[in-house]
Amino acid sequence: MSGTSTVRVRFPPSPTGFCHVGTARMAVLNYLFAKKNAGKIYFRSEDTDKERSKREYEDDIKEQLQWLGLGWDDFSRSTELVARHTAAMQKLVDEDKAYISEEESKKDPGIMVKIVRLRNPGKVVTFTDVIRGEITSDTTDLGDFVIGRSIDDPLYNFAVVVDDAAQGITHVIRGEDHISNTPRQIMIQEALEYPRPTYAHFPLHLASDRSKLSKRTGDVAVRSYREKGYLALALLNYLAILGWTPPSSKEMLSLDEMVAEFDLRDLHKSGAIFDVEKLNWYNRSYLKQMSDADFLAWASPILKESLGERNVTWSEDISRTIMPLIRENVSNWEDLKKAADDGAYDFFFVDPQLDAAKIPEKKSSESEAVAHLKQVSAIVEKILDGSWEESKIKDALWAFATENGRGAVLWPLRYALSGREKSPDPFLIASIIGKGATVRRIQRAIDALAGL
C-alpha cells in the first residue's frame, strides 16, 4: 500500500457498455480536480463483472476519453491485479475478520460454492462528503456481506478498496449512486487497516424526464455524439458545466480555464438535466469559432457526398462561399447532413426544379408575377459585373420592391432562384450563383408561368 501526500484520483469505469456520457462526466470531474491540485490520475478498468465486461467496451472508453482531451498517468485492469486481492482476502480470513462460507449457488441452484463473507460488527459508519457533508449509515442490516465469490475471485467492493489503497488514492470522486457502496467499502478498509480516502459524491445528470441515463442506451454514448459531428471541446465543456457553476460564471471555457476555476465544493447538490438543446448551443458556438478553413474541412465532405447522391455537381468555390450560411444554421454533422439530403443547398450548384403555381406571391396573380420578374431581370442585367455583390443587388432592387410590394416582388424572385419555399434572401442567393445564373433562372420562372 502506498502512502502519499500527492492528490491521486482514479477513473474506474466498468467496461460493460460503450463510454456513457456519465462515465465521461465522472472522468472530467476527476481530471479537473487532479490537474487543479497537480495530482495523478489512475485509469483502472473495473472488469470484475466477467460475464458482461468486454475489451471492446474498454477500448471505446479509453478512445472517447482521449478524444475529449483527457489523459491519465497509469492504466490497469482489476482482473490483472487479483493476486493482491487474494492476498488481502486471505489476510482477513487468517485474522478471522472474514470467513469462507459454503453456500448454494444463486446462479446454479443445487451447486455448492465457497464464498467469502466479511464479519460485520454492525456499527454505525459516518463519513464526511465534500459535496454533501456528513453522511451516516447503520450497517447492522447488511449482515456479514459477501466480499468474494471465492478466495481468488473478489467482488467489486472488495477489489476497489484494495486497489485504491495500493495506488494511494486520496480522493474518490464519483456519482451519488455509489453512496450506498461507501459504508461497505469503509468497513473493508477498516478491517484491512487502510487509510480512508476523501469522498465526493456528485449528483447524477438525468434525462429530460428526470430518469437515470442508461449506459447501454446508444443515444447517450459518447461515440454516438461524436458520430453525429459534435466537437470534443463542446461536449467536454458541457459535461464540465453540467452541475457546476464556475466562479467566473462563464459558460464557455477552455480546458485550462476549467482546471483553473474548478473546486469540488462548487458542484451542485441537485441533479442536472442533460439537455441536448444546450449541447447543441455549445457545439454551434464552437463551430462559429472555427477558422474558415477548418469549418470548410469539417462540412465540405458531408455536403459533397449528399450532392453526389443526387447527381448534383459539387463546386469547391461555391462550397467555400456558402460556408458562412451553413455555419449559422447547423449545430452538428447530423443537422448538416439532414439539410443537405433535403436538398437545402442544391440550388447554389444547379438550377432548381420549379412548381409554376408557387411562383406568384399568395396575394398576386400570375400576370403580376411575370411583370415583376421581367422588371427585376431588366434591373439586374444593368448591374455591372464588377458590382455584383449582395449589397449592390439589394440597392438596385429595393426601391422597385418597396414601390410594388416587397412580398409581391421578392417572393417570386426568391422562389425563381431557389425553387424552395424556405431559403436565404434572394440578394444573397443571386450574389453567390452569379449574374448569368440569376438572369437565366428568372427567365425560367417566366417561361414556367407562361405555361400555366
Protein backbone atom coordinates (compact mmCIF):
# COMPACT_ATOMS: atom_id res chain seq x y z
CA MET A 1 0.00 0.00 0.00
CA SER A 2 1.36 3.41 -0.99
CA GLY A 3 1.38 6.35 1.35
CA THR A 4 1.48 9.76 -0.33
CA SER A 5 0.57 13.40 0.20
CA THR A 6 0.10 13.89 -3.56
CA VAL A 7 -3.51 14.08 -4.71
CA ARG A 8 -4.40 10.86 -6.51
CA VAL A 9 -7.72 10.10 -8.19
CA ARG A 10 -8.97 7.32 -10.39
CA PHE A 11 -11.12 6.72 -13.44
CA PRO A 12 -12.75 3.37 -12.53
CA PRO A 13 -15.18 2.62 -15.38
CA SER A 14 -16.82 -0.79 -15.64
CA PRO A 15 -16.36 -1.92 -19.27
CA THR A 16 -19.86 -3.35 -19.63
CA GLY A 17 -21.00 -0.89 -22.28
CA PHE A 18 -19.72 1.82 -24.58
CA CYS A 19 -18.43 5.01 -22.98
CA HIS A 20 -21.52 6.65 -21.49
CA VAL A 21 -21.72 10.42 -21.01
CA GLY A 22 -21.99 9.69 -17.27
CA THR A 23 -18.65 7.86 -17.39
CA ALA A 24 -17.18 10.78 -19.32
CA ARG A 25 -18.52 13.30 -16.79
CA MET A 26 -17.00 11.30 -13.92
CA ALA A 27 -13.67 11.35 -15.73
CA VAL A 28 -13.93 15.08 -16.46
CA LEU A 29 -14.53 15.97 -12.80
CA ASN A 30 -11.71 13.73 -11.59
CA TYR A 31 -9.39 15.14 -14.26
CA LEU A 32 -10.15 18.76 -13.37
CA PHE A 33 -9.63 18.12 -9.67
CA ALA A 34 -6.36 16.25 -10.20
CA LYS A 35 -4.94 18.85 -12.56
CA LYS A 36 -6.00 21.72 -10.31
CA ASN A 37 -4.06 20.08 -7.47
CA ALA A 38 -1.06 18.86 -9.53
CA GLY A 39 -2.19 15.31 -8.80
CA LYS A 40 -2.02 11.96 -10.54
CA ILE A 41 -4.77 10.06 -12.37
CA TYR A 42 -5.11 6.28 -12.39
CA PHE A 43 -7.29 4.68 -15.06
CA ARG A 44 -8.44 1.36 -13.62
CA SER A 45 -10.77 -0.77 -15.71
CA GLU A 46 -13.11 -2.38 -13.17
CA ASP A 47 -13.72 -5.57 -15.12
CA THR A 48 -14.77 -7.71 -12.15
CA ASP A 49 -18.11 -8.42 -13.90
CA LYS A 50 -16.52 -11.07 -16.09
CA GLU A 51 -19.70 -12.01 -17.96
CA ARG A 52 -20.55 -8.52 -19.19
CA SER A 53 -17.11 -6.89 -19.37
CA LYS A 54 -15.67 -6.72 -22.88
CA ARG A 55 -12.36 -5.44 -24.19
CA GLU A 56 -14.15 -3.57 -26.99
CA TYR A 57 -16.01 -1.52 -24.37
CA GLU A 58 -12.79 -0.83 -22.51
CA ASP A 59 -11.09 0.27 -25.74
CA ASP A 60 -14.03 2.52 -26.54
CA ILE A 61 -13.91 4.17 -23.11
CA LYS A 62 -10.20 4.88 -23.50
CA GLU A 63 -10.66 6.17 -27.05
CA GLN A 64 -13.54 8.51 -26.20
CA LEU A 65 -11.87 9.96 -23.10
CA GLN A 66 -8.74 10.65 -25.12
CA TRP A 67 -10.88 12.25 -27.83
CA LEU A 68 -12.30 14.57 -25.17
CA GLY A 69 -8.76 15.60 -24.32
CA LEU A 70 -8.40 13.65 -21.07
CA GLY A 71 -5.30 11.69 -20.13
CA TRP A 72 -4.03 9.60 -17.23
CA ASP A 73 -0.76 8.60 -15.61
CA ASP A 74 -1.31 4.85 -15.21
CA PHE A 75 -3.59 2.15 -16.59
CA SER A 76 -4.55 -1.20 -15.06
CA ARG A 77 -7.32 -3.82 -15.04
CA SER A 78 -8.86 -5.21 -11.87
CA THR A 79 -8.72 -8.80 -13.13
CA GLU A 80 -4.97 -8.47 -13.64
CA LEU A 81 -4.50 -7.39 -10.01
CA VAL A 82 -6.22 -10.43 -8.50
CA ALA A 83 -3.06 -11.63 -6.72
CA ARG A 84 -3.13 -8.69 -4.34
CA HIS A 85 -6.90 -9.05 -3.87
CA THR A 86 -6.41 -12.72 -2.94
CA ALA A 87 -3.61 -11.87 -0.51
CA ALA A 88 -5.75 -9.23 1.19
CA MET A 89 -8.75 -11.54 1.41
CA GLN A 90 -6.66 -14.38 2.81
CA LYS A 91 -5.27 -11.97 5.41
CA LEU A 92 -8.79 -11.18 6.60
CA VAL A 93 -9.68 -14.88 6.76
CA ASP A 94 -6.47 -15.63 8.70
CA GLU A 95 -7.32 -12.86 11.17
CA ASP A 96 -10.93 -14.10 11.46
CA LYS A 97 -12.23 -10.79 10.12
CA ALA A 98 -13.75 -12.72 7.23
CA TYR A 99 -14.67 -16.34 6.71
CA ILE A 100 -15.32 -18.86 3.95
CA SER A 101 -18.93 -19.99 3.79
CA GLU A 102 -20.14 -22.96 1.77
CA GLU A 103 -23.48 -22.00 0.27
CA GLU A 104 -25.78 -22.93 -2.57
CA SER A 105 -25.02 -21.02 -5.74
CA LYS A 106 -27.67 -18.44 -6.65
CA LYS A 107 -26.73 -18.80 -10.30
CA ASP A 108 -26.70 -22.62 -10.33
CA PRO A 109 -29.18 -23.98 -7.74
CA GLY A 110 -28.04 -27.29 -6.25
CA ILE A 111 -24.36 -26.43 -6.70
CA MET A 112 -22.46 -25.61 -3.52
CA VAL A 113 -19.82 -22.89 -3.67
CA LYS A 114 -17.35 -21.42 -1.18
CA ILE A 115 -17.89 -17.69 -0.87
CA VAL A 116 -16.11 -15.24 1.39
CA ARG A 117 -18.04 -13.03 3.81
CA LEU A 118 -16.77 -10.12 5.91
CA ARG A 119 -17.64 -10.27 9.60
CA ASN A 120 -19.83 -7.24 10.11
CA PRO A 121 -19.58 -5.67 13.59
CA GLY A 122 -22.94 -3.98 12.98
CA LYS A 123 -21.66 -0.50 13.58
CA VAL A 124 -22.76 2.98 12.57
CA VAL A 125 -20.50 4.34 9.82
CA THR A 126 -20.13 8.08 9.34
CA PHE A 127 -18.08 9.82 6.67
CA THR A 128 -17.77 13.41 5.52
CA ASP A 129 -18.59 14.02 1.88
CA VAL A 130 -17.02 17.10 0.26
CA ILE A 131 -20.23 17.87 -1.62
CA ARG A 132 -22.92 16.55 0.74
CA GLY A 133 -21.46 16.97 4.19
CA GLU A 134 -21.77 14.31 6.88
CA ILE A 135 -23.43 11.02 5.91
CA THR A 136 -24.28 8.33 8.47
CA SER A 137 -25.35 4.73 7.87
CA ASP A 138 -26.28 1.92 10.25
CA THR A 139 -24.65 -1.19 8.77
CA THR A 140 -26.45 -3.71 11.01
CA ASP A 141 -28.92 -4.70 8.30
CA LEU A 142 -26.10 -5.54 5.89
CA GLY A 143 -25.16 -8.60 7.91
CA ASP A 144 -21.98 -10.46 7.02
CA PHE A 145 -21.86 -9.38 3.41
CA VAL A 146 -20.07 -11.18 0.58
CA ILE A 147 -16.67 -9.84 -0.49
CA GLY A 148 -15.63 -12.70 -2.79
CA ARG A 149 -17.20 -15.39 -4.94
CA SER A 150 -14.16 -17.37 -3.80
CA ILE A 151 -10.86 -16.55 -2.14
CA ASP A 152 -9.38 -15.56 -5.52
CA ASP A 153 -12.48 -14.03 -7.12
CA PRO A 154 -13.26 -10.72 -5.35
CA LEU A 155 -16.44 -8.72 -5.78
CA TYR A 156 -16.20 -5.09 -6.90
CA ASN A 157 -16.47 -3.56 -3.43
CA PHE A 158 -13.50 -5.55 -2.18
CA ALA A 159 -11.30 -5.20 -5.25
CA VAL A 160 -11.80 -1.44 -5.47
CA VAL A 161 -10.83 -0.92 -1.84
CA VAL A 162 -7.63 -2.96 -2.20
CA ASP A 163 -6.69 -1.24 -5.45
CA ASP A 164 -7.43 2.24 -4.12
CA ALA A 165 -5.14 1.59 -1.18
CA ALA A 166 -2.39 0.05 -3.30
CA GLN A 167 -2.42 3.04 -5.64
CA GLY A 168 -2.61 5.55 -2.80
CA ILE A 169 -5.91 7.07 -3.98
CA THR A 170 -6.58 10.15 -1.87
CA HIS A 171 -9.93 11.26 -3.32
CA VAL A 172 -12.83 9.15 -4.53
CA ILE A 173 -14.94 11.37 -6.79
CA ARG A 174 -17.95 9.54 -8.17
CA GLY A 175 -21.70 9.64 -8.73
CA GLU A 176 -24.23 9.60 -5.91
CA ASP A 177 -25.33 6.08 -6.92
CA HIS A 178 -22.18 4.85 -5.15
CA ILE A 179 -23.13 6.33 -1.77
CA SER A 180 -24.72 3.01 -0.79
CA ASN A 181 -21.41 1.24 -1.51
CA THR A 182 -19.41 3.54 0.74
CA PRO A 183 -20.27 2.00 4.16
CA ARG A 184 -19.28 -1.47 2.90
CA GLN A 185 -16.05 -0.12 1.48
CA ILE A 186 -15.23 1.74 4.68
CA MET A 187 -15.75 -1.44 6.73
CA ILE A 188 -13.42 -3.32 4.38
CA GLN A 189 -10.85 -0.51 4.71
CA GLU A 190 -11.04 -0.66 8.48
CA ALA A 191 -10.71 -4.45 8.53
CA LEU A 192 -7.59 -4.18 6.37
CA GLU A 193 -6.37 -1.13 8.36
CA TYR A 194 -6.24 1.03 5.24
CA PRO A 195 -6.47 4.83 5.37
CA ARG A 196 -9.80 6.33 4.38
CA PRO A 197 -9.80 8.48 1.23
CA THR A 198 -11.81 11.67 0.95
CA TYR A 199 -15.21 11.10 -0.68
CA ALA A 200 -17.13 13.39 -3.00
CA HIS A 201 -20.41 12.08 -4.46
CA PHE A 202 -21.80 14.34 -7.15
CA PRO A 203 -25.46 14.20 -8.30
CA LEU A 204 -26.12 12.18 -11.43
CA HIS A 205 -27.29 14.02 -14.50
CA LEU A 206 -30.67 12.93 -15.73
CA ALA A 207 -32.67 12.56 -18.93
CA SER A 208 -35.28 15.18 -19.79
CA ASP A 209 -37.92 13.11 -17.95
CA ARG A 210 -35.58 13.05 -14.90
CA SER A 211 -34.90 9.33 -15.35
CA LYS A 212 -31.40 7.91 -14.99
CA LEU A 213 -29.43 7.67 -18.23
CA SER A 214 -28.53 4.06 -19.02
CA LYS A 215 -25.00 3.26 -20.17
CA ARG A 216 -26.38 0.74 -22.63
CA THR A 217 -28.50 3.33 -24.41
CA GLY A 218 -26.77 4.25 -27.66
CA ASP A 219 -28.05 7.82 -27.71
CA VAL A 220 -26.08 8.66 -24.58
CA ALA A 221 -22.84 7.01 -25.64
CA VAL A 222 -20.02 9.46 -26.28
CA ARG A 223 -19.32 7.75 -29.61
CA SER A 224 -22.90 8.49 -30.67
CA TYR A 225 -22.41 12.23 -30.18
CA ARG A 226 -19.03 12.03 -31.86
CA GLU A 227 -20.55 10.28 -34.88
CA LYS A 228 -23.21 12.97 -35.09
CA GLY A 229 -20.48 15.56 -35.50
CA TYR A 230 -20.31 17.13 -32.07
CA LEU A 231 -16.95 18.69 -31.33
CA ALA A 232 -14.86 17.27 -28.49
CA LEU A 233 -14.46 20.63 -26.74
CA ALA A 234 -18.20 21.33 -26.96
CA LEU A 235 -19.10 18.03 -25.27
CA LEU A 236 -16.26 18.38 -22.75
CA ASN A 237 -17.34 21.91 -21.87
CA TYR A 238 -20.98 20.90 -21.48
CA LEU A 239 -20.20 17.88 -19.30
CA ALA A 240 -17.99 20.04 -17.06
CA ILE A 241 -20.58 22.80 -16.67
CA LEU A 242 -23.40 20.31 -16.06
CA GLY A 243 -24.00 20.64 -12.33
CA TRP A 244 -21.11 23.07 -11.80
CA THR A 245 -21.03 26.85 -11.83
CA PRO A 246 -17.51 28.23 -12.30
CA PRO A 247 -16.70 31.28 -10.13
CA SER A 248 -16.39 33.38 -13.30
CA SER A 249 -19.91 32.28 -14.37
CA LYS A 250 -18.53 31.82 -17.89
CA GLU A 251 -20.27 29.15 -19.93
CA MET A 252 -17.54 28.60 -22.50
CA LEU A 253 -14.15 27.72 -21.08
CA SER A 254 -11.01 26.10 -22.42
CA LEU A 255 -9.74 23.01 -20.61
CA ASP A 256 -7.05 25.11 -18.93
CA GLU A 257 -9.68 27.60 -17.76
CA MET A 258 -11.82 24.77 -16.37
CA VAL A 259 -8.84 23.47 -14.40
CA ALA A 260 -8.02 26.92 -13.05
CA GLU A 261 -11.58 27.53 -11.82
CA PHE A 262 -12.51 24.07 -10.60
CA ASP A 263 -13.40 23.35 -6.98
CA LEU A 264 -15.33 20.29 -5.81
CA ARG A 265 -17.23 22.43 -3.32
CA ASP A 266 -18.80 24.36 -6.20
CA LEU A 267 -20.59 21.28 -7.57
CA HIS A 268 -24.35 21.47 -7.20
CA LYS A 269 -26.12 19.20 -4.74
CA SER A 270 -29.10 18.53 -7.02
CA GLY A 271 -29.17 16.58 -10.29
CA ALA A 272 -28.85 18.42 -13.59
CA ILE A 273 -30.81 17.63 -16.73
CA PHE A 274 -28.79 16.54 -19.75
CA ASP A 275 -30.30 18.91 -22.31
CA VAL A 276 -29.41 18.13 -25.93
CA GLU A 277 -30.53 21.60 -26.98
CA LYS A 278 -27.99 23.12 -24.62
CA LEU A 279 -25.32 20.79 -26.01
CA ASN A 280 -26.35 21.96 -29.48
CA TRP A 281 -25.85 25.55 -28.34
CA TYR A 282 -22.34 24.71 -27.18
CA ASN A 283 -21.49 22.91 -30.41
CA ARG A 284 -22.90 25.70 -32.56
CA SER A 285 -20.91 28.24 -30.54
CA TYR A 286 -17.68 26.31 -31.05
CA LEU A 287 -18.42 25.82 -34.74
CA LYS A 288 -18.71 29.60 -35.07
CA GLN A 289 -15.27 29.97 -33.51
CA MET A 290 -13.69 27.61 -36.07
CA SER A 291 -11.45 29.10 -38.72
CA ASP A 292 -12.98 29.24 -42.20
CA ALA A 293 -10.53 26.60 -43.39
CA ASP A 294 -11.33 24.22 -40.51
CA PHE A 295 -15.06 24.65 -40.96
CA LEU A 296 -14.76 24.04 -44.69
CA ALA A 297 -12.81 20.84 -44.00
CA TRP A 298 -15.45 19.81 -41.43
CA ALA A 299 -18.51 20.46 -43.60
CA SER A 300 -17.49 20.01 -47.24
CA PRO A 301 -17.22 16.19 -47.27
CA ILE A 302 -20.78 15.85 -45.96
CA LEU A 303 -22.16 18.34 -48.47
CA LYS A 304 -20.20 16.82 -51.35
CA GLU A 305 -21.38 13.29 -50.56
CA SER A 306 -25.01 14.38 -50.26
CA LEU A 307 -24.93 16.29 -53.55
CA GLY A 308 -23.30 13.32 -55.27
CA GLU A 309 -26.11 11.02 -54.18
CA ARG A 310 -28.49 13.20 -56.23
CA ASN A 311 -26.05 13.70 -59.14
CA VAL A 312 -25.60 17.37 -58.33
CA THR A 313 -22.15 18.58 -59.37
CA TRP A 314 -20.19 19.90 -56.40
CA SER A 315 -18.07 23.03 -56.67
CA GLU A 316 -15.36 23.83 -54.15
CA ASP A 317 -15.65 27.56 -54.87
CA ILE A 318 -19.40 27.58 -54.24
CA SER A 319 -18.97 25.43 -51.13
CA ARG A 320 -16.45 27.89 -49.74
CA THR A 321 -18.82 30.77 -50.47
CA ILE A 322 -21.86 29.25 -48.74
CA MET A 323 -19.99 28.05 -45.63
CA PRO A 324 -20.89 31.16 -43.56
CA LEU A 325 -24.56 30.46 -44.32
CA ILE A 326 -24.23 26.80 -43.35
CA ARG A 327 -22.31 27.73 -40.20
CA GLU A 328 -25.20 29.89 -39.00
CA ASN A 329 -27.77 27.12 -39.41
CA VAL A 330 -26.27 23.86 -38.16
CA SER A 331 -25.37 22.53 -34.73
CA ASN A 332 -23.62 19.34 -35.82
CA TRP A 333 -22.94 16.99 -38.72
CA GLU A 334 -26.37 15.44 -38.38
CA ASP A 335 -28.03 18.82 -38.93
CA LEU A 336 -25.88 19.47 -41.98
CA LYS A 337 -26.47 16.04 -43.48
CA LYS A 338 -30.21 16.26 -42.89
CA ALA A 339 -30.39 19.68 -44.56
CA ALA A 340 -28.12 18.62 -47.41
CA ASP A 341 -30.07 15.41 -48.01
CA ASP A 342 -33.24 17.50 -48.11
CA GLY A 343 -31.71 19.50 -50.95
CA ALA A 344 -31.46 22.68 -48.89
CA TYR A 345 -28.27 23.75 -50.70
CA ASP A 346 -28.74 22.19 -54.14
CA PHE A 347 -29.89 25.43 -55.76
CA PHE A 348 -26.48 27.00 -55.18
CA PHE A 349 -24.99 24.39 -57.51
CA VAL A 350 -27.72 23.69 -60.07
CA ASP A 351 -30.85 25.35 -61.45
CA PRO A 352 -33.82 24.28 -59.31
CA GLN A 353 -36.95 22.47 -60.37
CA LEU A 354 -39.88 24.91 -60.27
CA ASP A 355 -43.54 24.46 -59.49
CA ALA A 356 -45.06 27.29 -61.52
CA ALA A 357 -48.07 27.52 -59.19
CA LYS A 358 -45.77 28.52 -56.31
CA ILE A 359 -44.03 31.37 -58.14
CA PRO A 360 -46.63 34.14 -57.55
CA GLU A 361 -46.90 35.54 -54.05
CA LYS A 362 -50.17 34.43 -52.42
CA LYS A 363 -51.86 37.80 -52.96
CA SER A 364 -50.58 38.21 -56.52
CA SER A 365 -51.67 36.85 -59.89
CA GLU A 366 -49.54 35.04 -62.45
CA SER A 367 -49.53 38.13 -64.68
CA GLU A 368 -48.28 40.31 -61.83
CA ALA A 369 -45.52 37.83 -61.05
CA VAL A 370 -44.45 37.79 -64.71
CA ALA A 371 -44.42 41.58 -64.87
CA HIS A 372 -42.39 41.87 -61.69
CA LEU A 373 -39.89 39.21 -62.75
CA LYS A 374 -39.40 40.87 -66.14
CA GLN A 375 -38.68 44.20 -64.46
CA VAL A 376 -36.36 42.58 -61.91
CA SER A 377 -34.47 40.90 -64.76
CA ALA A 378 -34.07 44.20 -66.55
CA ILE A 379 -32.77 45.87 -63.38
CA VAL A 380 -30.22 43.18 -62.50
CA GLU A 381 -28.91 42.99 -66.07
CA LYS A 382 -27.85 46.62 -65.70
CA ILE A 383 -25.71 45.87 -62.64
CA LEU A 384 -22.07 45.87 -63.68
CA ASP A 385 -20.26 42.57 -63.25
CA GLY A 386 -17.72 44.27 -61.01
CA SER A 387 -20.54 45.41 -58.70
CA TRP A 388 -22.20 42.00 -58.45
CA GLU A 389 -22.42 41.61 -54.70
CA GLU A 390 -25.25 41.18 -52.20
CA SER A 391 -25.49 44.81 -51.03
CA LYS A 392 -25.37 46.24 -54.57
CA ILE A 393 -28.04 43.83 -55.82
CA LYS A 394 -30.27 44.78 -52.89
CA ASP A 395 -29.71 48.51 -53.50
CA ALA A 396 -30.64 48.12 -57.16
CA LEU A 397 -33.91 46.26 -56.43
CA TRP A 398 -35.07 47.74 -53.15
CA ALA A 399 -36.87 50.81 -54.46
CA PHE A 400 -38.81 48.78 -57.06
CA ALA A 401 -39.73 46.14 -54.47
CA THR A 402 -40.85 48.77 -51.97
CA GLU A 403 -42.98 50.56 -54.55
CA ASN A 404 -44.69 47.40 -55.84
CA GLY A 405 -44.90 45.40 -52.60
CA ARG A 406 -41.84 43.60 -51.28
CA GLY A 407 -43.64 40.28 -50.95
CA ALA A 408 -45.08 40.53 -54.47
CA VAL A 409 -41.64 41.24 -55.94
CA LEU A 410 -39.19 39.37 -53.73
CA TRP A 411 -41.13 36.12 -53.23
CA PRO A 412 -41.25 35.28 -56.97
CA LEU A 413 -37.56 36.19 -57.21
CA ARG A 414 -36.62 34.08 -54.19
CA TYR A 415 -38.56 31.07 -55.49
CA ALA A 416 -37.21 31.52 -59.03
CA LEU A 417 -33.65 31.40 -57.72
CA SER A 418 -34.05 28.62 -55.13
CA GLY A 419 -37.13 26.57 -56.03
CA ARG A 420 -37.77 26.36 -52.28
CA GLU A 421 -40.36 27.91 -50.01
CA LYS A 422 -37.71 28.45 -47.34
CA SER A 423 -34.35 29.79 -48.43
CA PRO A 424 -31.90 32.65 -47.80
CA ASP A 425 -32.88 36.07 -49.12
CA PRO A 426 -32.72 36.42 -52.92
CA PHE A 427 -29.94 39.02 -52.84
CA LEU A 428 -27.59 36.57 -51.15
CA ILE A 429 -28.55 33.73 -53.49
CA ALA A 430 -28.04 35.94 -56.55
CA SER A 431 -24.65 37.13 -55.32
CA ILE A 432 -23.46 33.53 -54.94
CA ILE A 433 -24.81 31.94 -58.14
CA GLY A 434 -23.72 34.88 -60.31
CA LYS A 435 -25.35 37.29 -62.70
CA GLY A 436 -25.72 34.85 -65.59
CA ALA A 437 -27.43 32.17 -63.49
CA THR A 438 -29.66 34.78 -61.84
CA VAL A 439 -30.96 36.10 -65.15
CA ARG A 440 -31.36 32.57 -66.52
CA ARG A 441 -33.37 31.38 -63.52
CA ILE A 442 -35.64 34.42 -63.64
CA GLN A 443 -36.36 33.67 -67.31
CA ARG A 444 -37.07 30.00 -66.46
CA ALA A 445 -39.66 31.19 -63.92
CA ILE A 446 -41.25 33.50 -66.51
CA ASP A 447 -41.41 30.63 -69.01
CA ALA A 448 -42.92 28.35 -66.36
CA LEU A 449 -45.66 30.88 -65.62
CA ALA A 450 -46.38 31.22 -69.33
CA GLY A 451 -47.13 27.50 -69.40
CA LEU A 452 -49.85 27.71 -66.74
